[in-house]
Amino acid sequence: MKKVIVIGIFLLSNFIVAQGKIISKSANVIFEASVPSFEEVKAVNNNVTVVLNTETAEIASLAIMKAFRFKVALMEEHFNENYIESDRYPKAIFRGKIEGFDVNSLTATPKNFTINGKLELHGKSVSIKTLAKMSKTTSGVNLQANFWVNASDFDIAIPAIVKNKVANKVAIQLTAVLK
């Protein structure tokens, strides 16, 4: 009986792997809301999870907001308490689909794909369409995407006192190696 259970678990685990999901738990997200001539408003999160179903081309990402790190501790505090309200909205979630994706077409030369999806942040959901570069290397599938979001689309208010120092239009950069 134990052998049957062990064999069943082994077959089930192979079936799950065969579903074509590749993952990164250490993807890198950088966001920047800097304004020229003022202090850099930039943060990095190196613990973002990205999952890609290679059979359906569905992609999802999860970023814990308190994991973003700034050069200036006070900016990080304001980001979490006043802007993102990390205790109330602890994560950002992206769910989408990669148009025309075929994992077998990937090579070491980066190929462009369009990703369409929704970004959920600060209690709001906004449609995102971006170009992603993908390639296949010995370490996995490399993914790089850059896009812009408006803080105001997520009801994130920038106080008048710093409105000239913090951009409403925020640059987002994602880099991941999926295995």
C-alpha atoms as a PDB file:
ATOM      1  CA  MET A   1       0.000   0.000   0.000  1.00  0.00           C
ATOM      2  CA  LYS A   2       2.837   2.425   0.881  1.00  0.00           C
ATOM      3  CA  LYS A   3       4.452   1.742  -2.505  1.00  0.00           C
ATOM      4  CA  VAL A   4       1.214   2.606  -4.286  1.00  0.00           C
ATOM      5  CA  ILE A   5       0.953   5.916  -2.377  1.00  0.00           C
ATOM      6  CA  VAL A   6       4.600   6.798  -3.085  1.00  0.00           C
ATOM      7  CA  ILE A   7       4.212   5.963  -6.776  1.00  0.00           C
ATOM      8  CA  GLY A   8       0.971   7.971  -6.893  1.00  0.00           C
ATOM      9  CA  ILE A   9       2.631  11.019  -5.325  1.00  0.00           C
ATOM     10  CA  PHE A  10       5.565  10.680  -7.741  1.00  0.00           C
ATOM     11  CA  LEU A  11       3.260  10.517 -10.761  1.00  0.00           C
ATOM     12  CA  LEU A  12       1.182  13.447  -9.482  1.00  0.00           C
ATOM     13  CA  SER A  13       4.297  15.580  -8.946  1.00  0.00           C
ATOM     14  CA  ASN A  14       5.444  14.799 -12.495  1.00  0.00           C
ATOM     15  CA  PHE A  15       1.984  15.730 -13.772  1.00  0.00           C
ATOM     16  CA  ILE A  16       2.143  19.074 -11.944  1.00  0.00           C
ATOM     17  CA  VAL A  17       5.592  19.809 -13.397  1.00  0.00           C
ATOM     18  CA  ALA A  18       4.326  18.777 -16.824  1.00  0.00           C
ATOM     19  CA  GLN A  19       1.696  21.526 -16.609  1.00  0.00           C
ATOM     20  CA  GLY A  20       4.380  23.893 -17.891  1.00  0.00           C
ATOM     21  CA  LYS A  21       4.629  26.373 -15.051  1.00  0.00           C
ATOM     22  CA  ILE A  22       7.938  28.097 -14.537  1.00  0.00           C
ATOM     23  CA  ILE A  23       8.573  30.428 -11.636  1.00  0.00           C
ATOM     24  CA  SER A  24      10.899  32.988 -10.118  1.00  0.00           C
ATOM     25  CA  LYS A  25      10.724  33.939  -6.456  1.00  0.00           C
ATOM     26  CA  SER A  26      13.531  36.459  -6.785  1.00  0.00           C
ATOM     27  CA  ALA A  27      12.383  38.668  -9.641  1.00  0.00           C
ATOM     28  CA  ASN A  28      13.498  42.268  -9.475  1.00  0.00           C
ATOM     29  CA  VAL A  29      11.100  45.229  -9.686  1.00  0.00           C
ATOM     30  CA  ILE A  30      12.370  48.798  -9.746  1.00  0.00           C
ATOM     31  CA  PHE A  31      10.037  51.749  -9.677  1.00  0.00           C
ATOM     32  CA  GLU A  32      11.024  55.344 -10.155  1.00  0.00           C
ATOM     33  CA  ALA A  33       8.973  58.489  -9.635  1.00  0.00           C
ATOM     34  CA  SER A  34      11.851  60.940  -9.803  1.00  0.00           C
ATOM     35  CA  VAL A  35      11.599  64.498 -11.060  1.00  0.00           C
ATOM     36  CA  PRO A  36      14.646  66.228 -12.618  1.00  0.00           C
ATOM     37  CA  SER A  37      16.622  68.497 -10.265  1.00  0.00           C
ATOM     38  CA  PHE A  38      15.226  66.862  -7.134  1.00  0.00           C
ATOM     39  CA  GLU A  39      16.225  63.893  -4.978  1.00  0.00           C
ATOM     40  CA  GLU A  40      15.851  60.474  -6.609  1.00  0.00           C
ATOM     41  CA  VAL A  41      12.567  58.727  -5.774  1.00  0.00           C
ATOM     42  CA  LYS A  42      13.420  55.137  -6.576  1.00  0.00           C
ATOM     43  CA  ALA A  43      12.916  51.768  -4.900  1.00  0.00           C
ATOM     44  CA  VAL A  44      13.907  48.151  -5.535  1.00  0.00           C
ATOM     45  CA  ASN A  45      12.179  44.903  -4.574  1.00  0.00           C
ATOM     46  CA  ASN A  46      14.274  41.757  -5.163  1.00  0.00           C
ATOM     47  CA  ASN A  47      11.725  39.272  -3.822  1.00  0.00           C
ATOM     48  CA  VAL A  48       8.949  39.458  -6.402  1.00  0.00           C
ATOM     49  CA  THR A  49       7.285  36.209  -7.470  1.00  0.00           C
ATOM     50  CA  VAL A  50       6.528  35.655 -11.161  1.00  0.00           C
ATOM     51  CA  VAL A  51       4.765  32.560 -12.517  1.00  0.00           C
ATOM     52  CA  LEU A  52       4.401  31.764 -16.223  1.00  0.00           C
ATOM     53  CA  ASN A  53       2.249  28.953 -17.568  1.00  0.00           C
ATOM     54  CA  THR A  54       4.130  28.032 -20.744  1.00  0.00           C
ATOM     55  CA  GLU A  55       1.126  26.164 -22.155  1.00  0.00           C
ATOM     56  CA  THR A  56      -1.480  28.928 -21.809  1.00  0.00           C
ATOM     57  CA  ALA A  57       0.878  31.974 -21.853  1.00  0.00           C
ATOM     58  CA  GLU A  58      -0.755  33.242 -18.669  1.00  0.00           C
ATOM     59  CA  ILE A  59       1.562  35.209 -16.422  1.00  0.00           C
ATOM     60  CA  ALA A  60       1.123  36.418 -12.861  1.00  0.00           C
ATOM     61  CA  SER A  61       3.264  38.402 -10.472  1.00  0.00           C
ATOM     62  CA  LEU A  62       3.108  39.256  -6.773  1.00  0.00           C
ATOM     63  CA  ALA A  63       5.097  41.986  -5.032  1.00  0.00           C
ATOM     64  CA  ILE A  64       4.945  42.626  -1.291  1.00  0.00           C
ATOM     65  CA  MET A  65       4.904  46.406  -0.900  1.00  0.00           C
ATOM     66  CA  LYS A  66       6.941  46.528   2.316  1.00  0.00           C
ATOM     67  CA  ALA A  67       9.791  44.750   0.496  1.00  0.00           C
ATOM     68  CA  PHE A  68      10.584  47.845  -1.608  1.00  0.00           C
ATOM     69  CA  ARG A  69      13.845  49.425  -0.457  1.00  0.00           C
ATOM     70  CA  PHE A  70      14.783  53.084  -0.887  1.00  0.00           C
ATOM     71  CA  LYS A  71      18.147  54.799  -0.445  1.00  0.00           C
ATOM     72  CA  VAL A  72      16.541  57.105   2.116  1.00  0.00           C
ATOM     73  CA  ALA A  73      14.735  55.438   5.039  1.00  0.00           C
ATOM     74  CA  LEU A  74      12.307  58.361   5.415  1.00  0.00           C
ATOM     75  CA  MET A  75      11.128  57.895   1.807  1.00  0.00           C
ATOM     76  CA  GLU A  76      10.477  54.234   2.529  1.00  0.00           C
ATOM     77  CA  GLU A  77       8.443  55.179   5.601  1.00  0.00           C
ATOM     78  CA  HIS A  78       6.376  57.749   3.655  1.00  0.00           C
ATOM     79  CA  PHE A  79       5.903  55.277   0.790  1.00  0.00           C
ATOM     80  CA  ASN A  80       4.509  52.592   3.112  1.00  0.00           C
ATOM     81  CA  GLU A  81       2.481  54.808   5.441  1.00  0.00           C
ATOM     82  CA  ASN A  82       1.249  57.723   3.318  1.00  0.00           C
ATOM     83  CA  TYR A  83       1.226  56.673  -0.329  1.00  0.00           C
ATOM     84  CA  ILE A  84       0.816  52.906  -0.712  1.00  0.00           C
ATOM     85  CA  GLU A  85      -0.699  52.337   2.744  1.00  0.00           C
ATOM     86  CA  SER A  86       1.070  48.971   2.926  1.00  0.00           C
ATOM     87  CA  ASP A  87      -0.756  47.822   6.060  1.00  0.00           C
ATOM     88  CA  ARG A  88      -4.095  48.222   4.257  1.00  0.00           C
ATOM     89  CA  TYR A  89      -2.868  47.228   0.757  1.00  0.00           C
ATOM     90  CA  PRO A  90       0.083  44.881   1.378  1.00  0.00           C
ATOM     91  CA  LYS A  91       0.667  43.614  -2.162  1.00  0.00           C
ATOM     92  CA  ALA A  92       0.597  44.400  -5.854  1.00  0.00           C
ATOM     93  CA  ILE A  93      -0.681  41.679  -8.164  1.00  0.00           C
ATOM     94  CA  PHE A  94      -0.390  41.487 -11.942  1.00  0.00           C
ATOM     95  CA  ARG A  95      -2.328  38.927 -13.987  1.00  0.00           C
ATOM     96  CA  GLY A  96      -2.091  38.783 -17.745  1.00  0.00           C
ATOM     97  CA  LYS A  97      -1.390  36.914 -20.928  1.00  0.00           C
ATOM     98  CA  ILE A  98       1.546  37.009 -23.341  1.00  0.00           C
ATOM     99  CA  GLU A  99       0.335  37.388 -26.933  1.00  0.00           C
ATOM    100  CA  GLY A 100       1.706  34.850 -29.417  1.00  0.00           C
ATOM    101  CA  PHE A 101       3.897  33.179 -26.802  1.00  0.00           C
ATOM    102  CA  ASP A 102       5.468  29.798 -27.556  1.00  0.00           C
ATOM    103  CA  VAL A 103       8.189  28.647 -25.160  1.00  0.00           C
ATOM    104  CA  ASN A 104       9.712  26.513 -27.929  1.00  0.00           C
ATOM    105  CA  SER A 105      10.353  29.633 -30.041  1.00  0.00           C
ATOM    106  CA  LEU A 106      12.638  31.153 -27.403  1.00  0.00           C
ATOM    107  CA  THR A 107      16.373  31.286 -28.079  1.00  0.00           C
ATOM    108  CA  ALA A 108      19.356  33.096 -26.591  1.00  0.00           C
ATOM    109  CA  THR A 109      18.433  36.101 -28.733  1.00  0.00           C
ATOM    110  CA  PRO A 110      15.748  38.178 -26.957  1.00  0.00           C
ATOM    111  CA  LYS A 111      12.368  38.180 -28.668  1.00  0.00           C
ATOM    112  CA  ASN A 112       9.654  40.817 -28.159  1.00  0.00           C
ATOM    113  CA  PHE A 113       6.212  39.861 -26.888  1.00  0.00           C
ATOM    114  CA  THR A 114       3.205  41.956 -25.899  1.00  0.00           C
ATOM    115  CA  ILE A 115       1.753  41.367 -22.443  1.00  0.00           C
ATOM    116  CA  ASN A 116      -1.829  42.409 -21.673  1.00  0.00           C
ATOM    117  CA  GLY A 117      -3.205  42.254 -18.168  1.00  0.00           C
ATOM    118  CA  LYS A 118      -4.381  44.001 -15.043  1.00  0.00           C
ATOM    119  CA  LEU A 119      -2.325  45.450 -12.220  1.00  0.00           C
ATOM    120  CA  GLU A 120      -4.041  45.461  -8.832  1.00  0.00           C
ATOM    121  CA  LEU A 121      -2.546  48.004  -6.458  1.00  0.00           C
ATOM    122  CA  HIS A 122      -3.879  50.177  -3.634  1.00  0.00           C
ATOM    123  CA  GLY A 123      -7.353  48.653  -4.002  1.00  0.00           C
ATOM    124  CA  LYS A 124      -7.640  49.512  -7.717  1.00  0.00           C
ATOM    125  CA  SER A 125      -7.233  47.456 -10.885  1.00  0.00           C
ATOM    126  CA  VAL A 126      -5.754  49.075 -14.009  1.00  0.00           C
ATOM    127  CA  SER A 127      -5.214  47.569 -17.470  1.00  0.00           C
ATOM    128  CA  ILE A 128      -1.574  47.317 -18.537  1.00  0.00           C
ATOM    129  CA  LYS A 129      -0.206  46.632 -22.005  1.00  0.00           C
ATOM    130  CA  THR A 130       3.554  46.405 -22.345  1.00  0.00           C
ATOM    131  CA  LEU A 131       6.324  45.018 -24.466  1.00  0.00           C
ATOM    132  CA  ALA A 132       8.499  42.311 -22.896  1.00  0.00           C
ATOM    133  CA  LYS A 133      11.810  40.894 -24.047  1.00  0.00           C
ATOM    134  CA  MET A 134      12.188  37.156 -23.469  1.00  0.00           C
ATOM    135  CA  SER A 135      15.025  34.756 -24.127  1.00  0.00           C
ATOM    136  CA  LYS A 136      16.105  31.267 -23.126  1.00  0.00           C
ATOM    137  CA  THR A 137      19.457  30.658 -21.463  1.00  0.00           C
ATOM    138  CA  THR A 138      21.043  27.853 -19.480  1.00  0.00           C
ATOM    139  CA  SER A 139      19.757  29.492 -16.274  1.00  0.00           C
ATOM    140  CA  GLY A 140      16.115  29.630 -17.455  1.00  0.00           C
ATOM    141  CA  VAL A 141      13.749  31.966 -19.299  1.00  0.00           C
ATOM    142  CA  ASN A 142      14.774  35.604 -19.011  1.00  0.00           C
ATOM    143  CA  LEU A 143      11.987  38.188 -18.902  1.00  0.00           C
ATOM    144  CA  GLN A 144      12.397  41.964 -19.006  1.00  0.00           C
ATOM    145  CA  ALA A 145       9.538  44.444 -19.154  1.00  0.00           C
ATOM    146  CA  ASN A 146       9.222  48.193 -18.696  1.00  0.00           C
ATOM    147  CA  PHE A 147       6.007  50.163 -18.410  1.00  0.00           C
ATOM    148  CA  TRP A 148       4.516  53.313 -16.911  1.00  0.00           C
ATOM    149  CA  VAL A 149       1.649  53.766 -14.486  1.00  0.00           C
ATOM    150  CA  ASN A 150       0.023  56.888 -13.077  1.00  0.00           C
ATOM    151  CA  ALA A 151      -0.205  57.069  -9.290  1.00  0.00           C
ATOM    152  CA  SER A 152      -3.524  58.896  -9.695  1.00  0.00           C
ATOM    153  CA  ASP A 153      -5.020  55.870 -11.535  1.00  0.00           C
ATOM    154  CA  PHE A 154      -4.655  53.953  -8.271  1.00  0.00           C
ATOM    155  CA  ASP A 155      -6.013  56.803  -6.126  1.00  0.00           C
ATOM    156  CA  ILE A 156      -2.559  57.447  -4.709  1.00  0.00           C
ATOM    157  CA  ALA A 157      -2.487  61.125  -3.837  1.00  0.00           C
ATOM    158  CA  ILE A 158       0.743  63.081  -3.927  1.00  0.00           C
ATOM    159  CA  PRO A 159       0.566  65.859  -1.313  1.00  0.00           C
ATOM    160  CA  ALA A 160       0.841  69.436  -2.629  1.00  0.00           C
ATOM    161  CA  ILE A 161       3.963  70.048  -0.562  1.00  0.00           C
ATOM    162  CA  VAL A 162       5.946  67.430  -2.573  1.00  0.00           C
ATOM    163  CA  LYS A 163       3.991  67.502  -5.859  1.00  0.00           C
ATOM    164  CA  ASN A 164       6.958  69.119  -7.656  1.00  0.00           C
ATOM    165  CA  LYS A 165       9.378  66.516  -6.259  1.00  0.00           C
ATOM    166  CA  VAL A 166       7.476  63.268  -6.936  1.00  0.00           C
ATOM    167  CA  ALA A 167       6.196  62.334 -10.397  1.00  0.00           C
ATOM    168  CA  ASN A 168       2.643  61.084 -10.918  1.00  0.00           C
ATOM    169  CA  LYS A 169       3.908  59.032 -13.883  1.00  0.00           C
ATOM    170  CA  VAL A 170       5.923  56.150 -12.416  1.00  0.00           C
ATOM    171  CA  ALA A 171       8.376  53.987 -14.386  1.00  0.00           C
ATOM    172  CA  ILE A 172       8.246  50.264 -13.561  1.00  0.00           C
ATOM    173  CA  GLN A 173      10.968  47.819 -14.591  1.00  0.00           C
ATOM    174  CA  LEU A 174      10.669  44.027 -14.111  1.00  0.00           C
ATOM    175  CA  THR A 175      13.515  41.551 -14.558  1.00  0.00           C
ATOM    176  CA  ALA A 176      13.093  37.821 -13.877  1.00  0.00           C
ATOM    177  CA  VAL A 177      14.726  34.471 -14.582  1.00  0.00           C
ATOM    178  CA  LEU A 178      12.008  31.806 -14.610  1.00  0.00           C
ATOM    179  CA  LYS A 179      12.895  28.166 -13.995  1.00  0.00           C
END
